[in-house]
Amino acid sequence: MGAARKITVEVPLELLEKAQLASGAGVTQTVRTGLQLLAASRTYARLRKLRGKVRFSRSLAELKADR
């Protein structure tokens, strides 16, 4: 993971409980997971914009057969 920074964050209790139920993890790991998802969201949006614009040299059937 690399260097870490300790922070204090105030969040609504209900939101934290919902997030922990969804993640099945403790507070620290739930917050880390949320931050990772937020950081990746821009990349996901850029990938969605490429939908239908990228041509591949192999067909889907060829890729599945190559497994």
N, C-alpha and C. Protein backbone atom coordinates (compact mmCIF):
# COMPACT_ATOMS: atom_id res chain seq x y z
N MET A 1 0.81 -1.18 0.00
CA MET A 1 0.00 0.00 0.00
C MET A 1 0.86 1.25 0.00
N GLY A 2 1.92 1.38 0.59
CA GLY A 2 2.70 2.61 0.60
C GLY A 2 2.42 3.44 1.83
N ALA A 3 2.77 4.71 1.73
CA ALA A 3 2.60 5.62 2.86
C ALA A 3 1.12 5.81 3.18
N ALA A 4 0.82 5.96 4.45
CA ALA A 4 -0.56 6.16 4.88
C ALA A 4 -0.66 7.48 5.62
N ARG A 5 -1.85 8.02 5.65
CA ARG A 5 -2.11 9.26 6.36
C ARG A 5 -3.29 9.04 7.28
N LYS A 6 -3.13 9.37 8.52
CA LYS A 6 -4.22 9.22 9.49
C LYS A 6 -5.10 10.46 9.40
N ILE A 7 -6.42 10.23 9.30
CA ILE A 7 -7.36 11.34 9.18
C ILE A 7 -8.51 11.14 10.16
N THR A 8 -9.20 12.22 10.44
CA THR A 8 -10.42 12.17 11.24
C THR A 8 -11.54 12.63 10.33
N VAL A 9 -12.58 11.82 10.22
CA VAL A 9 -13.69 12.13 9.33
C VAL A 9 -14.99 11.97 10.08
N GLU A 10 -15.88 12.93 9.94
CA GLU A 10 -17.22 12.81 10.51
C GLU A 10 -18.16 12.40 9.40
N VAL A 11 -18.84 11.27 9.59
CA VAL A 11 -19.80 10.78 8.63
C VAL A 11 -21.09 10.43 9.36
N PRO A 12 -22.21 10.54 8.66
CA PRO A 12 -23.47 10.14 9.30
C PRO A 12 -23.42 8.66 9.70
N LEU A 13 -23.85 8.36 10.89
CA LEU A 13 -23.81 6.99 11.42
C LEU A 13 -24.55 6.02 10.51
N GLU A 14 -25.73 6.42 10.02
CA GLU A 14 -26.52 5.55 9.17
C GLU A 14 -25.77 5.21 7.87
N LEU A 15 -25.10 6.19 7.30
CA LEU A 15 -24.33 5.96 6.07
C LEU A 15 -23.19 4.99 6.33
N LEU A 16 -22.49 5.17 7.42
CA LEU A 16 -21.38 4.28 7.75
C LEU A 16 -21.88 2.86 7.99
N GLU A 17 -22.99 2.72 8.69
CA GLU A 17 -23.53 1.38 8.94
C GLU A 17 -23.95 0.69 7.65
N LYS A 18 -24.60 1.43 6.74
CA LYS A 18 -24.99 0.86 5.44
C LYS A 18 -23.77 0.43 4.65
N ALA A 19 -22.74 1.27 4.66
CA ALA A 19 -21.52 0.96 3.92
C ALA A 19 -20.83 -0.27 4.50
N GLN A 20 -20.80 -0.38 5.82
CA GLN A 20 -20.19 -1.54 6.45
C GLN A 20 -20.97 -2.81 6.17
N LEU A 21 -22.29 -2.72 6.15
CA LEU A 21 -23.10 -3.89 5.81
C LEU A 21 -22.82 -4.33 4.38
N ALA A 22 -22.70 -3.36 3.48
CA ALA A 22 -22.44 -3.67 2.07
C ALA A 22 -21.06 -4.27 1.88
N SER A 23 -20.07 -3.77 2.61
CA SER A 23 -18.69 -4.24 2.41
C SER A 23 -18.38 -5.47 3.26
N GLY A 24 -19.08 -5.62 4.37
CA GLY A 24 -18.78 -6.72 5.28
C GLY A 24 -17.46 -6.54 5.99
N ALA A 25 -16.99 -5.32 6.07
CA ALA A 25 -15.68 -5.03 6.67
C ALA A 25 -15.82 -4.00 7.78
N GLY A 26 -14.73 -3.76 8.45
CA GLY A 26 -14.70 -2.76 9.51
C GLY A 26 -14.66 -1.36 8.95
N VAL A 27 -14.59 -0.39 9.84
CA VAL A 27 -14.63 1.01 9.45
C VAL A 27 -13.48 1.38 8.51
N THR A 28 -12.27 1.05 8.90
CA THR A 28 -11.10 1.44 8.11
C THR A 28 -11.15 0.84 6.71
N GLN A 29 -11.41 -0.45 6.61
CA GLN A 29 -11.43 -1.09 5.29
C GLN A 29 -12.61 -0.58 4.46
N THR A 30 -13.73 -0.30 5.09
CA THR A 30 -14.89 0.24 4.38
C THR A 30 -14.55 1.60 3.78
N VAL A 31 -13.91 2.46 4.55
CA VAL A 31 -13.52 3.78 4.05
C VAL A 31 -12.49 3.65 2.93
N ARG A 32 -11.52 2.77 3.09
CA ARG A 32 -10.52 2.56 2.03
C ARG A 32 -11.18 2.08 0.74
N THR A 33 -12.10 1.13 0.86
CA THR A 33 -12.79 0.62 -0.32
C THR A 33 -13.59 1.72 -1.01
N GLY A 34 -14.28 2.52 -0.23
CA GLY A 34 -15.04 3.64 -0.79
C GLY A 34 -14.16 4.62 -1.52
N LEU A 35 -13.01 4.93 -0.94
CA LEU A 35 -12.08 5.86 -1.59
C LEU A 35 -11.50 5.27 -2.86
N GLN A 36 -11.21 3.98 -2.86
CA GLN A 36 -10.70 3.32 -4.07
C GLN A 36 -11.74 3.35 -5.18
N LEU A 37 -13.00 3.09 -4.85
CA LEU A 37 -14.06 3.12 -5.85
C LEU A 37 -14.25 4.53 -6.41
N LEU A 38 -14.18 5.52 -5.56
CA LEU A 38 -14.31 6.90 -6.00
C LEU A 38 -13.15 7.28 -6.92
N ALA A 39 -11.95 6.88 -6.56
CA ALA A 39 -10.78 7.18 -7.38
C ALA A 39 -10.87 6.51 -8.74
N ALA A 40 -11.46 5.33 -8.81
CA ALA A 40 -11.56 4.59 -10.07
C ALA A 40 -12.73 5.07 -10.93
N SER A 41 -13.67 5.81 -10.37
CA SER A 41 -14.88 6.17 -11.11
C SER A 41 -14.59 6.99 -12.36
N ARG A 42 -13.58 7.84 -12.34
CA ARG A 42 -13.24 8.64 -13.52
C ARG A 42 -12.75 7.73 -14.65
N THR A 43 -11.96 6.74 -14.31
CA THR A 43 -11.47 5.79 -15.31
C THR A 43 -12.63 5.01 -15.90
N TYR A 44 -13.57 4.57 -15.05
CA TYR A 44 -14.73 3.83 -15.54
C TYR A 44 -15.54 4.70 -16.51
N ALA A 45 -15.71 5.97 -16.20
CA ALA A 45 -16.46 6.87 -17.06
C ALA A 45 -15.77 7.03 -18.41
N ARG A 46 -14.45 7.15 -18.40
CA ARG A 46 -13.70 7.27 -19.67
C ARG A 46 -13.83 6.00 -20.50
N LEU A 47 -13.81 4.85 -19.85
CA LEU A 47 -13.97 3.59 -20.57
C LEU A 47 -15.36 3.47 -21.18
N ARG A 48 -16.38 3.92 -20.45
CA ARG A 48 -17.75 3.86 -20.98
C ARG A 48 -17.90 4.73 -22.23
N LYS A 49 -17.19 5.86 -22.28
CA LYS A 49 -17.25 6.73 -23.45
C LYS A 49 -16.65 6.07 -24.68
N LEU A 50 -15.76 5.11 -24.48
CA LEU A 50 -15.14 4.42 -25.61
C LEU A 50 -16.00 3.30 -26.18
N ARG A 51 -17.10 3.00 -25.54
CA ARG A 51 -17.95 1.88 -25.96
C ARG A 51 -18.34 2.03 -27.43
N GLY A 52 -18.02 0.99 -28.20
CA GLY A 52 -18.35 0.98 -29.62
C GLY A 52 -17.36 1.70 -30.50
N LYS A 53 -16.32 2.31 -29.94
CA LYS A 53 -15.37 3.09 -30.72
C LYS A 53 -14.03 2.40 -30.90
N VAL A 54 -13.82 1.30 -30.22
CA VAL A 54 -12.55 0.59 -30.29
C VAL A 54 -12.74 -0.68 -31.10
N ARG A 55 -11.89 -0.87 -32.08
CA ARG A 55 -11.96 -2.08 -32.91
C ARG A 55 -10.85 -3.03 -32.49
N PHE A 56 -11.19 -4.29 -32.37
CA PHE A 56 -10.22 -5.30 -31.98
C PHE A 56 -9.88 -6.17 -33.18
N SER A 57 -8.67 -6.69 -33.17
CA SER A 57 -8.23 -7.51 -34.30
C SER A 57 -8.80 -8.93 -34.22
N ARG A 58 -9.35 -9.32 -33.07
CA ARG A 58 -9.93 -10.65 -32.91
C ARG A 58 -11.39 -10.52 -32.53
N SER A 59 -12.18 -11.47 -32.97
CA SER A 59 -13.61 -11.44 -32.65
C SER A 59 -13.84 -11.99 -31.24
N LEU A 60 -15.03 -11.76 -30.75
CA LEU A 60 -15.39 -12.27 -29.43
C LEU A 60 -15.32 -13.79 -29.41
N ALA A 61 -15.76 -14.42 -30.48
CA ALA A 61 -15.72 -15.88 -30.56
C ALA A 61 -14.28 -16.40 -30.50
N GLU A 62 -13.37 -15.70 -31.17
CA GLU A 62 -11.96 -16.12 -31.15
C GLU A 62 -11.38 -15.95 -29.74
N LEU A 63 -11.74 -14.89 -29.07
CA LEU A 63 -11.23 -14.69 -27.71
C LEU A 63 -11.76 -15.76 -26.76
N LYS A 64 -13.03 -16.13 -26.90
CA LYS A 64 -13.60 -17.16 -26.04
C LYS A 64 -12.97 -18.52 -26.34
N ALA A 65 -12.68 -18.79 -27.59
CA ALA A 65 -12.08 -20.07 -27.97
C ALA A 65 -10.64 -20.18 -27.47
N ASP A 66 -10.00 -19.05 -27.23
CA ASP A 66 -8.60 -19.01 -26.83
C ASP A 66 -8.40 -19.22 -25.33
N ARG A 67 -9.47 -19.42 -24.60
CA ARG A 67 -9.38 -19.56 -23.15
C ARG A 67 -8.59 -20.77 -22.76
